[in-house]
Amino acid sequence: MTLTALPGLPAVRAGDDLASLIVQAVQRMPCAVSAGDVFVIAQKIVSKAENRWVRLDDVQASARAHDLAKRSGKDPRVVELILSESTAVVRCVPGVIIVEHRLGLVMANAGIDASNVDEPEDQEAVLLLPVNPDQSAAALKQALEQRFGCALGIIINDSFGRAWRLGTIGTAIGVAGLPGLEDLRGQPDRTGRMLRHSEVALADELAAAASLLMGQAAEGLPVVHATGLPFALREGSAQELIRPVRADLFR
């Protein structure tokens, strides 16, 4: 498997045609796009293209937001946005609010970020997640397949912390055209014993691999092309990866 970061993408603005920008970046590279390849795309440029900016001066913080802001040390306006993007607050401690996002993701601060987001018009602003990352991935898949003339997969990835380990890792929040989760239960292992519990988060594993090339700071490499994947494409979604609350032993 070969992963290649695509350099030279310009700063993405609201309304930009991401598919066209990706095609132009590929054309500057010596790599070819073929059936079964996957593009891993950073959430931030998808959110920028979809104009998911919110100016903090436009946000009125509620009493609950002020309360959580005191406990977390965050701007009450940002906390209000976190609440508006979430269905439940799981934990609130100094520096972080863990929530269940409206998409079902359990994550820090509802994915709202102010790093590497190029505030518009020099105003204080933050960037929200795409409204529906799976739909965003599907739209990019359709557009890129038309340009390249072959079946492709798309992952929209974001950096997540993990409950039991330090450090962030690339995680798939939007998926189209490839498995989110691959169920290996019922297949034999090397000794012939049937697997009973093995499910592989294929989209997350590829998102994490791509994140090594994207970086977390000033690298400016928000798109990674992956070829030679050791699995077949199929229709899938990031929702496959959401653990149902009834199966969550810690909530």
Protein backbone atom coordinates (compact mmCIF):
# COMPACT_ATOMS: atom_id res chain seq x y z
CA MET A 1 0.00 0.00 0.00
CA THR A 2 1.29 3.46 -0.90
CA LEU A 3 0.12 6.72 0.68
CA THR A 4 1.07 10.05 -0.86
CA ALA A 5 0.32 13.49 0.56
CA LEU A 6 -0.69 15.97 -2.13
CA PRO A 7 1.27 19.23 -1.78
CA GLY A 8 0.36 22.62 -3.10
CA LEU A 9 -3.33 22.83 -2.22
CA PRO A 10 -4.25 26.49 -1.70
CA ALA A 11 -5.94 27.75 1.43
CA VAL A 12 -9.54 26.57 1.14
CA ARG A 13 -12.29 29.18 1.30
CA ALA A 14 -16.05 28.94 1.68
CA GLY A 15 -17.64 27.72 -1.55
CA ASP A 16 -14.44 26.29 -3.05
CA ASP A 17 -14.75 23.23 -5.28
CA LEU A 18 -12.70 20.72 -3.31
CA ALA A 19 -12.87 18.07 -6.02
CA SER A 20 -11.31 20.45 -8.54
CA LEU A 21 -8.56 21.41 -6.10
CA ILE A 22 -7.78 17.73 -5.48
CA VAL A 23 -7.69 16.95 -9.20
CA GLN A 24 -5.27 19.83 -9.79
CA ALA A 25 -3.06 18.59 -6.94
CA VAL A 26 -2.99 15.07 -8.40
CA GLN A 27 -2.03 16.45 -11.81
CA ARG A 28 1.04 18.06 -10.25
CA MET A 29 2.15 14.69 -8.85
CA PRO A 30 3.75 11.67 -10.54
CA CYS A 31 1.06 9.37 -9.08
CA ALA A 32 -1.80 7.86 -11.07
CA VAL A 33 -5.34 7.37 -9.76
CA SER A 34 -6.87 3.95 -10.39
CA ALA A 35 -9.93 1.96 -9.36
CA GLY A 36 -9.96 1.06 -5.68
CA ASP A 37 -7.89 4.05 -4.55
CA VAL A 38 -8.96 6.16 -1.59
CA PHE A 39 -8.58 9.87 -0.85
CA VAL A 40 -8.30 10.81 2.82
CA ILE A 41 -9.31 14.44 3.35
CA ALA A 42 -8.88 16.54 6.48
CA GLN A 43 -12.13 17.64 8.09
CA LYS A 44 -11.01 21.26 8.33
CA ILE A 45 -10.89 21.85 4.57
CA VAL A 46 -14.28 20.19 4.12
CA SER A 47 -15.76 22.41 6.83
CA LYS A 48 -14.16 25.50 5.29
CA ALA A 49 -15.52 24.70 1.83
CA GLU A 50 -18.97 24.14 3.36
CA ASN A 51 -18.74 27.48 5.21
CA ARG A 52 -19.09 26.02 8.69
CA TRP A 53 -17.66 29.17 10.23
CA VAL A 54 -19.31 30.76 13.25
CA ARG A 55 -18.27 34.21 14.41
CA LEU A 56 -18.16 34.32 18.19
CA ASP A 57 -19.59 37.84 18.28
CA ASP A 58 -22.82 36.33 16.90
CA VAL A 59 -23.15 33.80 19.74
CA GLN A 60 -25.23 34.45 22.85
CA ALA A 61 -24.12 32.20 25.71
CA SER A 62 -26.83 30.60 27.87
CA ALA A 63 -26.73 30.17 31.63
CA ARG A 64 -25.71 26.55 31.20
CA ALA A 65 -22.88 27.57 28.89
CA HIS A 66 -21.63 30.06 31.46
CA ASP A 67 -21.70 27.36 34.14
CA LEU A 68 -19.73 24.87 32.02
CA ALA A 69 -17.36 27.65 30.97
CA LYS A 70 -16.44 28.29 34.60
CA ARG A 71 -15.79 24.59 35.14
CA SER A 72 -13.79 24.11 31.94
CA GLY A 73 -12.06 27.47 31.64
CA LYS A 74 -13.43 27.94 28.12
CA ASP A 75 -15.00 30.93 26.41
CA PRO A 76 -18.76 30.79 27.19
CA ARG A 77 -19.56 31.46 23.53
CA VAL A 78 -17.52 28.43 22.45
CA VAL A 79 -19.25 26.36 25.13
CA GLU A 80 -22.63 27.45 23.76
CA LEU A 81 -21.61 26.18 20.34
CA ILE A 82 -20.40 22.92 21.87
CA LEU A 83 -23.82 22.48 23.48
CA SER A 84 -25.64 23.34 20.25
CA GLU A 85 -23.65 20.66 18.37
CA SER A 86 -24.19 17.98 21.03
CA THR A 87 -26.87 15.76 22.46
CA ALA A 88 -25.22 15.13 25.86
CA VAL A 89 -22.32 16.26 28.01
CA VAL A 90 -20.33 13.22 29.10
CA ARG A 91 -17.58 14.94 31.15
CA CYS A 92 -16.54 18.49 31.94
CA VAL A 93 -13.12 19.17 33.47
CA PRO A 94 -10.66 22.07 33.23
CA GLY A 95 -9.56 22.38 29.62
CA VAL A 96 -11.99 20.01 27.95
CA ILE A 97 -15.67 19.15 27.60
CA ILE A 98 -16.39 15.62 26.36
CA VAL A 99 -19.72 15.39 24.58
CA GLU A 100 -21.81 13.10 22.49
CA HIS A 101 -21.95 14.97 19.20
CA ARG A 102 -25.23 15.07 17.27
CA LEU A 103 -23.54 12.68 14.78
CA GLY A 104 -23.09 10.10 17.55
CA LEU A 105 -19.36 10.72 17.99
CA VAL A 106 -18.09 10.93 21.56
CA MET A 107 -15.42 13.59 21.33
CA ALA A 108 -13.77 16.61 22.89
CA ASN A 109 -15.43 19.99 22.47
CA ALA A 110 -17.80 18.76 19.71
CA GLY A 111 -14.93 18.93 17.24
CA ILE A 112 -14.99 22.75 17.36
CA ASP A 113 -11.54 24.13 16.70
CA ALA A 114 -9.70 27.39 16.22
CA SER A 115 -6.29 25.97 15.21
CA ASN A 116 -5.26 26.10 11.54
CA VAL A 117 -8.62 27.57 10.57
CA ASP A 118 -7.66 30.98 9.09
CA GLU A 119 -10.35 33.13 10.67
CA PRO A 120 -12.37 34.98 8.01
CA GLU A 121 -12.02 38.74 7.69
CA ASP A 122 -9.78 38.84 10.78
CA GLN A 123 -12.77 38.20 13.02
CA GLU A 124 -12.75 35.87 16.00
CA ALA A 125 -14.34 32.70 14.67
CA VAL A 126 -14.37 28.94 15.07
CA LEU A 127 -15.04 26.09 12.68
CA LEU A 128 -17.69 23.41 13.20
CA LEU A 129 -17.75 19.88 11.80
CA PRO A 130 -19.57 19.35 8.49
CA VAL A 131 -23.33 19.02 8.93
CA ASN A 132 -23.21 15.46 7.56
CA PRO A 133 -19.67 14.16 6.93
CA ASP A 134 -20.91 10.95 5.26
CA GLN A 135 -22.91 13.00 2.76
CA SER A 136 -19.90 15.28 2.23
CA ALA A 137 -17.77 12.21 1.53
CA ALA A 138 -20.38 10.82 -0.87
CA ALA A 139 -20.52 14.11 -2.81
CA LEU A 140 -16.72 14.20 -3.12
CA LYS A 141 -16.69 10.55 -4.19
CA GLN A 142 -19.17 11.23 -6.98
CA ALA A 143 -17.30 14.31 -8.19
CA LEU A 144 -13.87 12.65 -8.14
CA GLU A 145 -15.14 9.48 -9.82
CA GLN A 146 -16.48 11.63 -12.66
CA ARG A 147 -13.11 13.35 -13.04
CA PHE A 148 -10.94 10.21 -12.83
CA GLY A 149 -13.34 7.72 -14.43
CA CYS A 150 -13.01 4.97 -11.83
CA ALA A 151 -14.47 3.76 -8.52
CA LEU A 152 -12.93 5.48 -5.51
CA GLY A 153 -13.29 5.66 -1.74
CA ILE A 154 -13.35 8.81 0.40
CA ILE A 155 -12.53 9.30 4.07
CA ILE A 156 -12.98 12.57 5.94
CA ASN A 157 -10.73 12.39 8.97
CA ASP A 158 -10.34 14.35 12.19
CA SER A 159 -7.95 14.13 15.13
CA PHE A 160 -9.46 12.39 18.16
CA GLY A 161 -8.22 11.79 21.67
CA ARG A 162 -8.85 8.36 23.18
CA ALA A 163 -10.30 7.42 26.54
CA TRP A 164 -7.55 5.01 27.57
CA ARG A 165 -4.45 6.36 25.80
CA LEU A 166 -2.61 9.67 25.44
CA GLY A 167 -2.27 11.51 22.16
CA THR A 168 -4.56 12.19 19.24
CA ILE A 169 -5.02 9.90 16.26
CA GLY A 170 -6.64 10.26 12.86
CA THR A 171 -10.23 9.03 12.94
CA ALA A 172 -12.78 8.64 10.14
CA ILE A 173 -15.83 10.88 10.67
CA GLY A 174 -17.08 10.61 7.08
CA VAL A 175 -16.82 7.60 4.76
CA ALA A 176 -18.05 6.80 1.25
CA GLY A 177 -17.23 3.94 -1.07
CA LEU A 178 -15.27 1.74 1.33
CA PRO A 179 -15.90 -0.25 4.51
CA GLY A 180 -16.12 1.72 7.71
CA LEU A 181 -16.11 -1.49 9.72
CA GLU A 182 -15.12 -4.92 8.44
CA ASP A 183 -16.78 -7.80 10.30
CA LEU A 184 -14.48 -10.85 10.40
CA ARG A 185 -16.65 -12.88 12.77
CA GLY A 186 -17.22 -16.39 11.46
CA GLN A 187 -14.03 -16.45 9.43
CA PRO A 188 -11.25 -18.90 10.36
CA ASP A 189 -7.95 -17.84 11.89
CA ARG A 190 -4.62 -19.46 10.94
CA THR A 191 -5.42 -22.51 13.04
CA GLY A 192 -8.93 -22.94 11.67
CA ARG A 193 -10.68 -21.61 14.78
CA MET A 194 -13.68 -19.40 13.97
CA LEU A 195 -13.30 -15.75 14.92
CA ARG A 196 -16.00 -14.69 17.37
CA HIS A 197 -15.36 -11.03 18.15
CA SER A 198 -13.05 -9.61 15.46
CA GLU A 199 -14.28 -6.42 13.82
CA VAL A 200 -11.72 -4.17 12.15
CA ALA A 201 -12.15 -0.39 11.92
CA LEU A 202 -10.69 -0.20 8.41
CA ALA A 203 -11.61 3.44 7.80
CA ASP A 204 -10.07 4.49 11.12
CA GLU A 205 -6.87 2.57 10.40
CA LEU A 206 -6.49 4.26 7.03
CA ALA A 207 -7.35 7.66 8.52
CA ALA A 208 -4.63 7.17 11.14
CA ALA A 209 -2.07 6.17 8.51
CA ALA A 210 -2.89 9.23 6.41
CA SER A 211 -2.61 11.48 9.47
CA LEU A 212 1.08 10.59 9.74
CA LEU A 213 1.55 12.41 6.43
CA MET A 214 -0.93 15.21 7.07
CA GLY A 215 0.65 16.18 10.39
CA GLN A 216 -0.94 18.22 13.16
CA ALA A 217 0.75 21.61 12.90
CA ALA A 218 1.90 23.73 9.95
CA GLU A 219 2.47 20.97 7.38
CA GLY A 220 -0.33 22.12 5.06
CA LEU A 221 -1.01 18.65 3.60
CA PRO A 222 -4.76 18.07 4.06
CA VAL A 223 -5.26 15.42 1.34
CA VAL A 224 -3.63 11.98 1.07
CA HIS A 225 -3.98 9.58 -1.86
CA ALA A 226 -3.87 5.85 -0.96
CA THR A 227 -3.44 3.05 -3.47
CA GLY A 228 -2.90 -0.70 -3.24
CA LEU A 229 -5.31 -1.12 -0.33
CA PRO A 230 -5.55 -4.67 1.05
CA PHE A 231 -9.35 -4.72 0.96
CA ALA A 232 -12.10 -4.31 -1.59
CA LEU A 233 -14.23 -1.21 -1.88
CA ARG A 234 -17.92 -1.35 -1.03
CA GLU A 235 -20.54 1.12 0.06
CA GLY A 236 -19.97 2.12 3.66
CA SER A 237 -20.27 4.96 6.14
CA ALA A 238 -18.68 6.33 9.29
CA GLN A 239 -21.88 5.49 11.13
CA GLU A 240 -20.80 1.83 11.00
CA LEU A 241 -18.09 2.76 13.51
CA ILE A 242 -20.38 4.33 16.13
CA ARG A 243 -20.73 2.06 19.17
CA PRO A 244 -24.41 1.85 20.17
CA VAL A 245 -25.10 3.22 23.64
CA ARG A 246 -26.54 -0.18 24.70
CA ALA A 247 -23.11 -1.73 23.94
CA ASP A 248 -21.11 1.01 25.65
CA LEU A 249 -19.88 -0.47 28.93
CA PHE A 250 -18.53 2.86 30.23
CA ARG A 251 -21.47 5.23 29.69
